[in-house]
């Protein structure tokens, strides 16, 4: 079971690294736009992403 967690972490790192590696200027602009968003909106988006991730793990890891 621990192997799945390492594989999942590896996939997350690969996906997260593609943006800054391939499109560094667009990535920087994207991060600046995100930093300008209100805190409550960022929390709402983060919470939605966490729930979506948990549901994906629940349905596909069982």
N, C-alpha and C. Protein backbone atom coordinates (compact mmCIF):
# COMPACT_ATOMS: atom_id res chain seq x y z
N UNK A 1 0.83 -1.20 0.00
CA UNK A 1 0.00 0.00 0.00
C UNK A 1 0.87 1.25 0.00
N UNK A 2 2.00 1.20 0.68
CA UNK A 2 2.88 2.37 0.72
C UNK A 2 3.44 2.68 -0.66
N UNK A 3 3.59 1.66 -1.49
CA UNK A 3 4.07 1.89 -2.85
C UNK A 3 3.13 2.79 -3.64
N UNK A 4 1.83 2.65 -3.40
CA UNK A 4 0.86 3.49 -4.10
C UNK A 4 1.02 4.96 -3.70
N UNK A 5 1.29 5.18 -2.43
CA UNK A 5 1.47 6.57 -1.96
C UNK A 5 2.70 7.19 -2.59
N UNK A 6 3.79 6.42 -2.69
CA UNK A 6 5.00 6.95 -3.33
C UNK A 6 4.76 7.21 -4.81
N UNK A 7 4.03 6.32 -5.46
CA UNK A 7 3.71 6.52 -6.87
C UNK A 7 2.84 7.76 -7.06
N UNK A 8 1.87 7.93 -6.18
CA UNK A 8 1.00 9.10 -6.26
C UNK A 8 1.80 10.39 -6.04
N UNK A 9 2.68 10.37 -5.07
CA UNK A 9 3.51 11.54 -4.81
C UNK A 9 4.40 11.84 -6.02
N UNK A 10 4.96 10.81 -6.62
CA UNK A 10 5.78 10.99 -7.81
C UNK A 10 5.00 11.62 -8.96
N UNK A 11 3.77 11.16 -9.17
CA UNK A 11 2.94 11.73 -10.22
C UNK A 11 2.60 13.19 -9.94
N UNK A 12 2.31 13.51 -8.70
CA UNK A 12 2.02 14.90 -8.35
C UNK A 12 3.22 15.78 -8.63
N UNK A 13 4.41 15.32 -8.25
CA UNK A 13 5.62 16.11 -8.48
C UNK A 13 5.88 16.31 -9.97
N UNK A 14 5.65 15.27 -10.77
CA UNK A 14 5.84 15.40 -12.22
C UNK A 14 4.86 16.42 -12.80
N UNK A 15 3.59 16.28 -12.45
CA UNK A 15 2.57 17.19 -12.98
C UNK A 15 2.83 18.62 -12.53
N UNK A 16 3.16 18.81 -11.27
CA UNK A 16 3.41 20.15 -10.76
C UNK A 16 4.67 20.77 -11.37
N UNK A 17 5.62 19.95 -11.75
CA UNK A 17 6.86 20.47 -12.31
C UNK A 17 6.79 20.81 -13.79
N UNK A 18 5.79 20.29 -14.49
CA UNK A 18 5.70 20.53 -15.93
C UNK A 18 5.47 22.01 -16.27
N UNK A 19 4.61 22.67 -15.53
CA UNK A 19 4.32 24.08 -15.81
C UNK A 19 5.55 24.97 -15.75
N UNK A 20 6.23 25.00 -14.61
CA UNK A 20 7.41 25.87 -14.54
C UNK A 20 8.55 25.43 -15.45
N UNK A 21 8.65 24.15 -15.76
CA UNK A 21 9.73 23.68 -16.62
C UNK A 21 9.50 24.08 -18.08
N UNK A 22 8.26 23.90 -18.55
CA UNK A 22 7.97 24.14 -19.96
C UNK A 22 7.57 25.59 -20.27
N UNK A 23 6.90 26.24 -19.33
CA UNK A 23 6.38 27.59 -19.56
C UNK A 23 6.69 28.50 -18.38
N UNK A 24 7.95 28.80 -18.11
CA UNK A 24 8.30 29.55 -16.90
C UNK A 24 7.67 30.95 -16.83
N UNK A 25 7.61 31.67 -17.94
CA UNK A 25 7.05 33.03 -17.90
C UNK A 25 5.54 33.01 -17.69
N UNK A 26 4.85 32.09 -18.36
CA UNK A 26 3.40 31.97 -18.16
C UNK A 26 3.11 31.50 -16.73
N UNK A 27 3.94 30.61 -16.20
CA UNK A 27 3.77 30.10 -14.84
C UNK A 27 3.90 31.22 -13.83
N UNK A 28 4.90 32.08 -14.02
CA UNK A 28 5.11 33.21 -13.12
C UNK A 28 3.90 34.15 -13.15
N UNK A 29 3.39 34.43 -14.35
CA UNK A 29 2.21 35.28 -14.49
C UNK A 29 1.00 34.65 -13.80
N UNK A 30 0.85 33.35 -13.96
CA UNK A 30 -0.24 32.62 -13.33
C UNK A 30 -0.16 32.72 -11.81
N UNK A 31 1.03 32.55 -11.25
CA UNK A 31 1.19 32.63 -9.80
C UNK A 31 0.91 34.05 -9.27
N UNK A 32 1.28 35.06 -10.05
CA UNK A 32 0.99 36.43 -9.64
C UNK A 32 -0.51 36.68 -9.60
N UNK A 33 -1.24 36.14 -10.59
CA UNK A 33 -2.70 36.29 -10.60
C UNK A 33 -3.32 35.58 -9.41
N UNK A 34 -2.82 34.41 -9.09
CA UNK A 34 -3.34 33.67 -7.93
C UNK A 34 -3.09 34.44 -6.64
N UNK A 35 -1.90 35.04 -6.52
CA UNK A 35 -1.55 35.77 -5.30
C UNK A 35 -2.44 36.97 -5.08
N UNK A 36 -3.04 37.49 -6.14
CA UNK A 36 -3.91 38.66 -6.03
C UNK A 36 -5.34 38.31 -5.63
N UNK A 37 -5.68 37.03 -5.62
CA UNK A 37 -7.03 36.60 -5.29
C UNK A 37 -7.28 36.74 -3.78
N UNK A 38 -8.54 37.00 -3.40
CA UNK A 38 -8.86 37.06 -1.97
C UNK A 38 -8.62 35.71 -1.28
N UNK A 39 -8.26 35.78 -0.02
CA UNK A 39 -7.95 34.58 0.75
C UNK A 39 -9.11 33.60 0.77
N UNK A 40 -10.31 34.10 0.97
CA UNK A 40 -11.48 33.22 1.05
C UNK A 40 -11.67 32.45 -0.25
N UNK A 41 -11.43 33.09 -1.37
CA UNK A 41 -11.58 32.41 -2.66
C UNK A 41 -10.52 31.33 -2.82
N UNK A 42 -9.30 31.61 -2.39
CA UNK A 42 -8.23 30.62 -2.47
C UNK A 42 -8.55 29.42 -1.59
N UNK A 43 -9.09 29.67 -0.41
CA UNK A 43 -9.46 28.58 0.49
C UNK A 43 -10.57 27.72 -0.12
N UNK A 44 -11.51 28.37 -0.78
CA UNK A 44 -12.62 27.64 -1.40
C UNK A 44 -12.10 26.75 -2.53
N UNK A 45 -11.24 27.29 -3.37
CA UNK A 45 -10.67 26.50 -4.45
C UNK A 45 -9.84 25.34 -3.89
N UNK A 46 -9.02 25.62 -2.88
CA UNK A 46 -8.21 24.57 -2.26
C UNK A 46 -9.06 23.47 -1.66
N UNK A 47 -10.12 23.84 -0.98
CA UNK A 47 -11.02 22.85 -0.39
C UNK A 47 -11.70 22.00 -1.44
N UNK A 48 -12.10 22.63 -2.54
CA UNK A 48 -12.72 21.89 -3.64
C UNK A 48 -11.74 20.89 -4.24
N UNK A 49 -10.49 21.30 -4.41
CA UNK A 49 -9.48 20.39 -4.96
C UNK A 49 -9.20 19.23 -4.02
N UNK A 50 -9.17 19.49 -2.72
CA UNK A 50 -8.94 18.41 -1.74
C UNK A 50 -10.09 17.41 -1.79
N UNK A 51 -11.31 17.90 -1.83
CA UNK A 51 -12.47 17.00 -1.88
C UNK A 51 -12.45 16.18 -3.17
N UNK A 52 -12.13 16.83 -4.30
CA UNK A 52 -12.05 16.10 -5.57
C UNK A 52 -10.97 15.02 -5.50
N UNK A 53 -9.83 15.34 -4.91
CA UNK A 53 -8.75 14.36 -4.78
C UNK A 53 -9.14 13.19 -3.90
N UNK A 54 -9.80 13.46 -2.80
CA UNK A 54 -10.24 12.39 -1.91
C UNK A 54 -11.24 11.49 -2.62
N UNK A 55 -12.17 12.09 -3.36
CA UNK A 55 -13.14 11.27 -4.09
C UNK A 55 -12.48 10.41 -5.16
N UNK A 56 -11.51 10.98 -5.87
CA UNK A 56 -10.79 10.18 -6.87
C UNK A 56 -10.05 9.02 -6.22
N UNK A 57 -9.38 9.27 -5.11
CA UNK A 57 -8.68 8.19 -4.41
C UNK A 57 -9.66 7.13 -3.93
N UNK A 58 -10.79 7.57 -3.41
CA UNK A 58 -11.80 6.63 -2.89
C UNK A 58 -12.30 5.71 -3.99
N UNK A 59 -12.62 6.30 -5.16
CA UNK A 59 -13.21 5.50 -6.23
C UNK A 59 -12.20 4.65 -6.98
N UNK A 60 -10.98 5.14 -7.15
CA UNK A 60 -10.03 4.42 -7.98
C UNK A 60 -9.00 3.61 -7.20
N UNK A 61 -8.86 3.83 -5.91
CA UNK A 61 -7.86 3.09 -5.12
C UNK A 61 -8.46 1.87 -4.44
N UNK A 62 -9.77 1.71 -4.53
CA UNK A 62 -10.37 0.56 -3.85
C UNK A 62 -10.53 -0.64 -4.73
